[in-house]
Amino acid sequence: MMKIGELAERTGLAASRIRFYERMGLLQLVERQANGYRMYPPEAVLVLNLIKSAQDAGFSLDELRTLMPPDLSQWEHDTLDQALRDKVRSIEALQAQLEQSKKTILDILAQIEAKPDDMSCASNAQRVLSNLGLEGDAPITGKQRPGKTARRKA
């Protein structure tokens, strides 16, 4: 058995984080001594490392609370398998969304960089916005909006 300070040192987690996991119901391997000190068995290191790894993999604490059994020897195989497969699908969807966002930004950047030498920045901005279907009613003039102050160039 070890006190929270030793557990914190072994896991690299702050004692406050360990207490937080305990309050969340993720760490149930704790005994209270008569003096109020928390005492943890060696398995608590494994549980905390598992929580850290799962969070690094994208699992929320709520997801972990529903997945992790109080006793690590009693995992529900089908539930865990489905949760891992769902997380992979979620990551793949996020990757696709990020890839689309990256493509959009790179397209805009290419349009901005394709500014003809004889075109003003305001006209180029209008051209890019028009190409994106985002042009407004008023042309970009380079004038300040009300309430804005001009920045000085260094």
N, C-alpha and C. Protein backbone atom coordinates (compact mmCIF):
# COMPACT_ATOMS: atom_id res chain seq x y z
N MET A 1 0.85 -1.18 0.00
CA MET A 1 0.00 0.00 0.00
C MET A 1 0.90 1.25 0.00
N MET A 2 0.39 2.28 -0.65
CA MET A 2 1.17 3.52 -0.72
C MET A 2 0.26 4.73 -0.51
N LYS A 3 0.88 5.80 -0.04
CA LYS A 3 0.16 7.06 0.13
C LYS A 3 0.07 7.76 -1.21
N ILE A 4 -0.74 8.78 -1.26
CA ILE A 4 -1.00 9.49 -2.51
C ILE A 4 0.26 10.13 -3.09
N GLY A 5 1.16 10.58 -2.25
CA GLY A 5 2.40 11.19 -2.74
C GLY A 5 3.24 10.20 -3.53
N GLU A 6 3.36 8.99 -3.02
CA GLU A 6 4.12 7.95 -3.73
C GLU A 6 3.41 7.56 -5.03
N LEU A 7 2.08 7.46 -4.97
CA LEU A 7 1.32 7.13 -6.18
C LEU A 7 1.49 8.23 -7.22
N ALA A 8 1.47 9.47 -6.79
CA ALA A 8 1.67 10.59 -7.70
C ALA A 8 3.05 10.52 -8.35
N GLU A 9 4.04 10.21 -7.55
CA GLU A 9 5.41 10.11 -8.07
C GLU A 9 5.54 8.96 -9.08
N ARG A 10 4.92 7.85 -8.80
CA ARG A 10 5.02 6.68 -9.69
C ARG A 10 4.29 6.89 -11.02
N THR A 11 3.23 7.69 -11.00
CA THR A 11 2.42 7.88 -12.20
C THR A 11 2.71 9.19 -12.93
N GLY A 12 3.37 10.12 -12.26
CA GLY A 12 3.62 11.43 -12.86
C GLY A 12 2.39 12.33 -12.82
N LEU A 13 1.40 11.95 -12.05
CA LEU A 13 0.19 12.76 -11.91
C LEU A 13 0.23 13.55 -10.61
N ALA A 14 -0.39 14.70 -10.62
CA ALA A 14 -0.50 15.49 -9.40
C ALA A 14 -1.47 14.79 -8.44
N ALA A 15 -1.23 14.96 -7.16
CA ALA A 15 -2.12 14.36 -6.16
C ALA A 15 -3.55 14.86 -6.35
N SER A 16 -3.70 16.12 -6.73
CA SER A 16 -5.05 16.66 -6.96
C SER A 16 -5.74 15.95 -8.11
N ARG A 17 -5.00 15.56 -9.14
CA ARG A 17 -5.57 14.84 -10.27
C ARG A 17 -6.01 13.44 -9.83
N ILE A 18 -5.21 12.80 -8.98
CA ILE A 18 -5.57 11.47 -8.47
C ILE A 18 -6.84 11.56 -7.64
N ARG A 19 -6.95 12.59 -6.79
CA ARG A 19 -8.17 12.77 -5.99
C ARG A 19 -9.37 13.04 -6.90
N PHE A 20 -9.14 13.80 -7.98
CA PHE A 20 -10.20 14.08 -8.94
C PHE A 20 -10.70 12.78 -9.58
N TYR A 21 -9.78 11.93 -10.02
CA TYR A 21 -10.18 10.64 -10.61
C TYR A 21 -10.95 9.80 -9.60
N GLU A 22 -10.55 9.90 -8.36
CA GLU A 22 -11.25 9.17 -7.30
C GLU A 22 -12.68 9.69 -7.15
N ARG A 23 -12.84 11.03 -7.12
CA ARG A 23 -14.18 11.62 -7.02
C ARG A 23 -15.05 11.26 -8.22
N MET A 24 -14.43 11.16 -9.41
CA MET A 24 -15.16 10.82 -10.63
C MET A 24 -15.56 9.35 -10.67
N GLY A 25 -15.05 8.55 -9.76
CA GLY A 25 -15.38 7.13 -9.73
C GLY A 25 -14.47 6.29 -10.61
N LEU A 26 -13.42 6.89 -11.16
CA LEU A 26 -12.50 6.14 -12.02
C LEU A 26 -11.47 5.36 -11.21
N LEU A 27 -11.14 5.86 -10.06
CA LEU A 27 -10.16 5.19 -9.20
C LEU A 27 -10.87 4.80 -7.92
N GLN A 28 -11.18 3.52 -7.81
CA GLN A 28 -11.93 3.03 -6.66
C GLN A 28 -11.06 2.23 -5.71
N LEU A 29 -9.79 2.10 -6.03
CA LEU A 29 -8.87 1.30 -5.22
C LEU A 29 -8.25 2.18 -4.14
N VAL A 30 -9.04 2.60 -3.20
CA VAL A 30 -8.52 3.47 -2.15
C VAL A 30 -9.10 3.05 -0.81
N GLU A 31 -8.27 3.08 0.17
CA GLU A 31 -8.69 2.82 1.54
C GLU A 31 -8.34 4.04 2.37
N ARG A 32 -9.18 4.36 3.30
CA ARG A 32 -8.92 5.47 4.21
C ARG A 32 -8.40 4.92 5.54
N GLN A 33 -7.31 5.52 5.98
CA GLN A 33 -6.77 5.16 7.29
C GLN A 33 -7.55 5.91 8.37
N ALA A 34 -7.36 5.54 9.60
CA ALA A 34 -8.04 6.20 10.72
C ALA A 34 -7.70 7.69 10.77
N ASN A 35 -6.47 8.02 10.33
CA ASN A 35 -6.04 9.42 10.35
C ASN A 35 -6.50 10.19 9.11
N GLY A 36 -7.26 9.54 8.22
CA GLY A 36 -7.79 10.20 7.04
C GLY A 36 -6.92 10.06 5.80
N TYR A 37 -5.70 9.53 5.96
CA TYR A 37 -4.83 9.37 4.79
C TYR A 37 -5.40 8.33 3.84
N ARG A 38 -5.23 8.60 2.56
CA ARG A 38 -5.62 7.63 1.54
C ARG A 38 -4.46 6.65 1.35
N MET A 39 -4.81 5.39 1.20
CA MET A 39 -3.81 4.37 0.93
C MET A 39 -4.24 3.62 -0.33
N TYR A 40 -3.28 3.40 -1.24
CA TYR A 40 -3.58 2.80 -2.53
C TYR A 40 -2.76 1.53 -2.72
N PRO A 41 -3.37 0.50 -3.33
CA PRO A 41 -2.62 -0.71 -3.63
C PRO A 41 -1.79 -0.50 -4.89
N PRO A 42 -0.84 -1.39 -5.18
CA PRO A 42 -0.01 -1.25 -6.38
C PRO A 42 -0.83 -1.21 -7.68
N GLU A 43 -2.01 -1.84 -7.71
CA GLU A 43 -2.86 -1.83 -8.91
C GLU A 43 -3.32 -0.43 -9.29
N ALA A 44 -3.30 0.50 -8.35
CA ALA A 44 -3.72 1.87 -8.63
C ALA A 44 -2.81 2.52 -9.68
N VAL A 45 -1.54 2.12 -9.71
CA VAL A 45 -0.61 2.63 -10.72
C VAL A 45 -1.09 2.21 -12.11
N LEU A 46 -1.47 0.95 -12.25
CA LEU A 46 -1.98 0.44 -13.52
C LEU A 46 -3.25 1.18 -13.95
N VAL A 47 -4.17 1.37 -13.01
CA VAL A 47 -5.43 2.05 -13.32
C VAL A 47 -5.15 3.48 -13.79
N LEU A 48 -4.30 4.19 -13.10
CA LEU A 48 -4.01 5.58 -13.47
C LEU A 48 -3.27 5.66 -14.80
N ASN A 49 -2.36 4.74 -15.04
CA ASN A 49 -1.68 4.71 -16.34
C ASN A 49 -2.65 4.38 -17.46
N LEU A 50 -3.60 3.51 -17.19
CA LEU A 50 -4.64 3.18 -18.17
C LEU A 50 -5.50 4.41 -18.47
N ILE A 51 -5.88 5.15 -17.44
CA ILE A 51 -6.67 6.37 -17.63
C ILE A 51 -5.89 7.37 -18.47
N LYS A 52 -4.63 7.58 -18.16
CA LYS A 52 -3.80 8.52 -18.94
C LYS A 52 -3.71 8.09 -20.40
N SER A 53 -3.44 6.80 -20.63
CA SER A 53 -3.32 6.29 -22.00
C SER A 53 -4.63 6.43 -22.77
N ALA A 54 -5.73 6.13 -22.11
CA ALA A 54 -7.03 6.23 -22.76
C ALA A 54 -7.36 7.68 -23.10
N GLN A 55 -7.03 8.60 -22.20
CA GLN A 55 -7.25 10.02 -22.50
C GLN A 55 -6.37 10.46 -23.66
N ASP A 56 -5.14 10.01 -23.69
CA ASP A 56 -4.25 10.34 -24.80
C ASP A 56 -4.80 9.81 -26.12
N ALA A 57 -5.55 8.71 -26.06
CA ALA A 57 -6.14 8.11 -27.26
C ALA A 57 -7.45 8.78 -27.65
N GLY A 58 -7.91 9.73 -26.83
CA GLY A 58 -9.11 10.48 -27.18
C GLY A 58 -10.36 10.15 -26.40
N PHE A 59 -10.24 9.29 -25.42
CA PHE A 59 -11.42 8.95 -24.62
C PHE A 59 -11.66 10.02 -23.57
N SER A 60 -12.91 10.39 -23.39
CA SER A 60 -13.27 11.35 -22.35
C SER A 60 -13.37 10.62 -21.02
N LEU A 61 -13.37 11.38 -19.94
CA LEU A 61 -13.51 10.76 -18.63
C LEU A 61 -14.89 10.10 -18.48
N ASP A 62 -15.91 10.69 -19.06
CA ASP A 62 -17.24 10.07 -19.01
C ASP A 62 -17.24 8.73 -19.74
N GLU A 63 -16.58 8.69 -20.90
CA GLU A 63 -16.49 7.41 -21.63
C GLU A 63 -15.75 6.38 -20.79
N LEU A 64 -14.68 6.80 -20.15
CA LEU A 64 -13.90 5.87 -19.33
C LEU A 64 -14.71 5.38 -18.14
N ARG A 65 -15.49 6.26 -17.57
CA ARG A 65 -16.29 5.87 -16.40
C ARG A 65 -17.27 4.76 -16.77
N THR A 66 -17.82 4.81 -17.98
CA THR A 66 -18.76 3.76 -18.38
C THR A 66 -18.05 2.48 -18.81
N LEU A 67 -16.80 2.60 -19.25
CA LEU A 67 -16.07 1.43 -19.75
C LEU A 67 -15.31 0.66 -18.68
N MET A 68 -14.70 1.39 -17.77
CA MET A 68 -13.80 0.74 -16.82
C MET A 68 -14.55 0.06 -15.69
N PRO A 69 -14.29 -1.21 -15.51
CA PRO A 69 -14.93 -1.92 -14.38
C PRO A 69 -14.22 -1.55 -13.08
N PRO A 70 -14.91 -1.69 -11.96
CA PRO A 70 -14.27 -1.42 -10.67
C PRO A 70 -13.06 -2.33 -10.44
N ASP A 71 -13.15 -3.53 -10.98
CA ASP A 71 -12.07 -4.51 -10.86
C ASP A 71 -11.57 -4.79 -12.28
N LEU A 72 -10.32 -4.51 -12.55
CA LEU A 72 -9.79 -4.64 -13.90
C LEU A 72 -9.80 -6.07 -14.44
N SER A 73 -10.08 -7.02 -13.58
CA SER A 73 -10.16 -8.41 -14.07
C SER A 73 -11.56 -8.72 -14.61
N GLN A 74 -12.46 -7.73 -14.59
CA GLN A 74 -13.84 -7.99 -15.01
C GLN A 74 -14.26 -7.11 -16.19
N TRP A 75 -13.40 -6.99 -17.17
CA TRP A 75 -13.75 -6.21 -18.36
C TRP A 75 -14.89 -6.88 -19.11
N GLU A 76 -15.78 -6.08 -19.68
CA GLU A 76 -16.85 -6.60 -20.53
C GLU A 76 -16.33 -6.52 -21.96
N HIS A 77 -15.92 -7.67 -22.49
CA HIS A 77 -15.24 -7.73 -23.78
C HIS A 77 -16.03 -7.05 -24.89
N ASP A 78 -17.30 -7.39 -25.04
CA ASP A 78 -18.10 -6.84 -26.14
C ASP A 78 -18.25 -5.33 -26.03
N THR A 79 -18.47 -4.84 -24.82
CA THR A 79 -18.62 -3.40 -24.60
C THR A 79 -17.32 -2.68 -24.93
N LEU A 80 -16.20 -3.22 -24.47
CA LEU A 80 -14.91 -2.61 -24.74
C LEU A 80 -14.59 -2.64 -26.23
N ASP A 81 -14.84 -3.77 -26.86
CA ASP A 81 -14.59 -3.91 -28.29
C ASP A 81 -15.39 -2.88 -29.09
N GLN A 82 -16.67 -2.74 -28.76
CA GLN A 82 -17.53 -1.78 -29.47
C GLN A 82 -17.08 -0.34 -29.21
N ALA A 83 -16.70 -0.03 -27.99
CA ALA A 83 -16.23 1.33 -27.66
C ALA A 83 -14.96 1.67 -28.43
N LEU A 84 -14.06 0.72 -28.54
CA LEU A 84 -12.82 0.96 -29.29
C LEU A 84 -13.11 1.14 -30.78
N ARG A 85 -13.99 0.34 -31.31
CA ARG A 85 -14.36 0.47 -32.74
C ARG A 85 -15.06 1.81 -32.99
N ASP A 86 -15.93 2.22 -32.07
CA ASP A 86 -16.60 3.52 -32.20
C ASP A 86 -15.60 4.66 -32.15
N LYS A 87 -14.61 4.53 -31.29
CA LYS A 87 -13.60 5.59 -31.18
C LYS A 87 -12.78 5.68 -32.46
N VAL A 88 -12.45 4.56 -33.05
CA VAL A 88 -11.71 4.56 -34.32
C VAL A 88 -12.54 5.27 -35.40
N ARG A 89 -13.84 4.94 -35.46
CA ARG A 89 -14.72 5.61 -36.45
C ARG A 89 -14.79 7.11 -36.19
N SER A 90 -14.85 7.49 -34.96
CA SER A 90 -14.90 8.91 -34.59
C SER A 90 -13.61 9.62 -35.01
N ILE A 91 -12.49 8.98 -34.79
CA ILE A 91 -11.20 9.55 -35.19
C ILE A 91 -11.11 9.67 -36.71
N GLU A 92 -11.59 8.64 -37.41
CA GLU A 92 -11.56 8.68 -38.88
C GLU A 92 -12.44 9.81 -39.41
N ALA A 93 -13.60 10.03 -38.80
CA ALA A 93 -14.48 11.13 -39.22
C ALA A 93 -13.81 12.47 -38.96
N LEU A 94 -13.16 12.59 -37.82
CA LEU A 94 -12.45 13.83 -37.50
C LEU A 94 -11.30 14.06 -38.47
N GLN A 95 -10.58 13.00 -38.81
CA GLN A 95 -9.49 13.13 -39.79
C GLN A 95 -10.02 13.61 -41.13
N ALA A 96 -11.15 13.08 -41.57
CA ALA A 96 -11.73 13.50 -42.85
C ALA A 96 -12.14 14.96 -42.80
N GLN A 97 -12.73 15.36 -41.68
CA GLN A 97 -13.12 16.76 -41.52
C GLN A 97 -11.89 17.67 -41.51
N LEU A 98 -10.86 17.28 -40.82
CA LEU A 98 -9.63 18.07 -40.77
C LEU A 98 -8.97 18.13 -42.14
N GLU A 99 -8.99 17.05 -42.87
CA GLU A 99 -8.42 17.03 -44.22
C GLU A 99 -9.17 17.99 -45.13
N GLN A 100 -10.49 18.02 -45.01
CA GLN A 100 -11.30 18.94 -45.82
C GLN A 100 -11.00 20.39 -45.42
N SER A 101 -10.86 20.65 -44.13
CA SER A 101 -10.52 21.99 -43.66
C SER A 101 -9.15 22.41 -44.19
N LYS A 102 -8.20 21.51 -44.16
CA LYS A 102 -6.86 21.80 -44.67
C LYS A 102 -6.91 22.12 -46.15
N LYS A 103 -7.67 21.33 -46.90
CA LYS A 103 -7.79 21.56 -48.35
C LYS A 103 -8.39 22.94 -48.62
N THR A 104 -9.44 23.29 -47.90
CA THR A 104 -10.08 24.59 -48.07
C THR A 104 -9.11 25.73 -47.79
N ILE A 105 -8.38 25.62 -46.71
CA ILE A 105 -7.41 26.67 -46.34
C ILE A 105 -6.30 26.77 -47.38
N LEU A 106 -5.81 25.63 -47.85
CA LEU A 106 -4.76 25.65 -48.87
C LEU A 106 -5.27 26.24 -50.18
N ASP A 107 -6.52 25.98 -50.54
CA ASP A 107 -7.12 26.58 -51.73
C ASP A 107 -7.20 28.10 -51.60
N ILE A 108 -7.64 28.57 -50.45
CA ILE A 108 -7.71 30.01 -50.21
C ILE A 108 -6.33 30.63 -50.27
N LEU A 109 -5.37 29.99 -49.65
CA LEU A 109 -4.00 30.48 -49.65
C LEU A 109 -3.46 30.57 -51.07
N ALA A 110 -3.72 29.56 -51.88
CA ALA A 110 -3.27 29.57 -53.27
C ALA A 110 -3.90 30.72 -54.04
N GLN A 111 -5.18 30.97 -53.79
CA GLN A 111 -5.84 32.09 -54.46
C GLN A 111 -5.25 33.42 -54.03
N ILE A 112 -4.97 33.56 -52.76
CA ILE A 112 -4.36 34.81 -52.26
C ILE A 112 -2.99 35.00 -52.87
N GLU A 113 -2.20 33.95 -52.92
CA GLU A 113 -0.84 34.04 -53.46
C GLU A 113 -0.82 34.24 -54.97
N ALA A 114 -1.93 33.96 -55.65
CA ALA A 114 -2.00 34.13 -57.11
C ALA A 114 -2.38 35.57 -57.49
N LYS A 115 -2.24 36.49 -56.58
CA LYS A 115 -2.57 37.90 -56.85
C LYS A 115 -1.69 38.43 -57.96
N PRO A 116 -2.32 38.98 -58.99
CA PRO A 116 -1.51 39.62 -60.04
C PRO A 116 -0.72 40.79 -59.46
N ASP A 117 0.46 41.04 -60.00
CA ASP A 117 1.33 42.09 -59.47
C ASP A 117 0.68 43.47 -59.54
N ASP A 118 -0.15 43.70 -60.53
CA ASP A 118 -0.75 45.03 -60.70
C ASP A 118 -2.07 45.19 -59.96
N MET A 119 -2.45 44.20 -59.12
CA MET A 119 -3.72 44.26 -58.40
C MET A 119 -3.47 44.66 -56.95
N SER A 120 -4.32 45.55 -56.43
CA SER A 120 -4.20 45.96 -55.02
C SER A 120 -4.64 44.80 -54.12
N CYS A 121 -4.24 44.88 -52.88
CA CYS A 121 -4.62 43.83 -51.91
C CYS A 121 -6.14 43.81 -51.73
N ALA A 122 -6.77 45.02 -51.71
CA ALA A 122 -8.22 45.08 -51.54
C ALA A 122 -8.92 44.42 -52.73
N SER A 123 -8.45 44.71 -53.94
CA SER A 123 -9.05 44.09 -55.13
C SER A 123 -8.83 42.59 -55.12
N ASN A 124 -7.66 42.16 -54.69
CA ASN A 124 -7.37 40.73 -54.61
C ASN A 124 -8.28 40.06 -53.57
N ALA A 125 -8.49 40.73 -52.46
CA ALA A 125 -9.38 40.17 -51.44
C ALA A 125 -10.79 40.02 -52.01
N GLN A 126 -11.24 41.05 -52.76
CA GLN A 126 -12.56 40.99 -53.38
C GLN A 126 -12.62 39.83 -54.39
N ARG A 127 -11.55 39.64 -55.16
CA ARG A 127 -11.47 38.56 -56.13
C ARG A 127 -11.56 37.20 -55.45
N VAL A 128 -10.79 37.04 -54.37
CA VAL A 128 -10.79 35.77 -53.64
C VAL A 128 -12.15 35.50 -53.03
N LEU A 129 -12.73 36.51 -52.39
CA LEU A 129 -14.06 36.34 -51.79
C LEU A 129 -15.10 35.99 -52.85
N SER A 130 -14.99 36.62 -54.01
CA SER A 130 -15.91 36.33 -55.10
C SER A 130 -15.75 34.88 -55.58
N ASN A 131 -14.51 34.44 -55.72
CA ASN A 131 -14.24 33.06 -56.13
C ASN A 131 -14.79 32.04 -55.14
N LEU A 132 -14.83 32.45 -53.87
CA LEU A 132 -15.34 31.56 -52.82
C LEU A 132 -16.85 31.68 -52.67
N GLY A 133 -17.45 32.62 -53.41
CA GLY A 133 -18.89 32.84 -53.28
C GLY A 133 -19.25 33.58 -52.02
N LEU A 134 -18.30 34.34 -51.47
CA LEU A 134 -18.51 35.04 -50.20
C LEU A 134 -18.57 36.55 -50.36
N GLU A 135 -18.61 37.05 -51.59
CA GLU A 135 -18.59 38.50 -51.77
C GLU A 135 -19.85 39.11 -51.19
N GLY A 136 -19.69 40.31 -50.66
CA GLY A 136 -20.81 41.04 -50.09
C GLY A 136 -21.28 42.10 -51.06
N ASP A 137 -22.19 42.93 -50.58
CA ASP A 137 -22.73 44.00 -51.42
C ASP A 137 -21.73 45.13 -51.60
N ALA A 138 -20.97 45.42 -50.56
CA ALA A 138 -20.06 46.56 -50.61
C ALA A 138 -18.66 46.09 -51.00
N PRO A 139 -17.99 46.84 -51.88
CA PRO A 139 -16.62 46.47 -52.24
C PRO A 139 -15.68 46.75 -51.08
N ILE A 140 -14.57 46.05 -51.06
CA ILE A 140 -13.54 46.28 -50.04
C ILE A 140 -12.77 47.51 -50.48
N THR A 141 -12.74 48.52 -49.61
CA THR A 141 -12.12 49.79 -49.99
C THR A 141 -10.82 50.06 -49.27
N GLY A 142 -10.57 49.36 -48.22
CA GLY A 142 -9.35 49.63 -47.45
C GLY A 142 -9.59 50.68 -46.39
N LYS A 143 -10.80 51.23 -46.30
CA LYS A 143 -11.13 52.23 -45.27
C LYS A 143 -11.44 51.52 -43.97
N GLN A 144 -11.22 52.24 -42.89
CA GLN A 144 -11.45 51.69 -41.56
C GLN A 144 -12.94 51.56 -41.28
N ARG A 145 -13.29 50.52 -40.56
CA ARG A 145 -14.65 50.38 -40.08
C ARG A 145 -14.84 51.33 -38.91
N PRO A 146 -16.05 51.79 -38.68
CA PRO A 146 -16.29 52.69 -37.55
C PRO A 146 -15.84 52.05 -36.25
N GLY A 147 -15.21 52.87 -35.42
CA GLY A 147 -14.75 52.39 -34.12
C GLY A 147 -13.41 51.71 -34.15
N LYS A 148 -12.83 51.51 -35.31
CA LYS A 148 -11.53 50.85 -35.42
C LYS A 148 -10.46 51.92 -35.64
N THR A 149 -9.31 51.68 -35.10
CA THR A 149 -8.20 52.60 -35.30
C THR A 149 -7.17 51.93 -36.20
N ALA A 150 -6.52 52.75 -36.99
CA ALA A 150 -5.52 52.20 -37.92
C ALA A 150 -4.31 51.74 -37.13
N ARG A 151 -3.72 50.66 -37.59
CA ARG A 151 -2.46 50.18 -37.01
C ARG A 151 -1.31 50.84 -37.73
N ARG A 152 -0.31 51.17 -36.99
CA ARG A 152 0.87 51.77 -37.60
C ARG A 152 1.78 50.68 -38.10
N LYS A 153 2.34 50.90 -39.25
CA LYS A 153 3.30 49.94 -39.82
C LYS A 153 4.67 50.25 -39.25
N ALA A 154 5.39 49.21 -38.93
CA ALA A 154 6.74 49.38 -38.36
C ALA A 154 7.74 49.69 -39.43
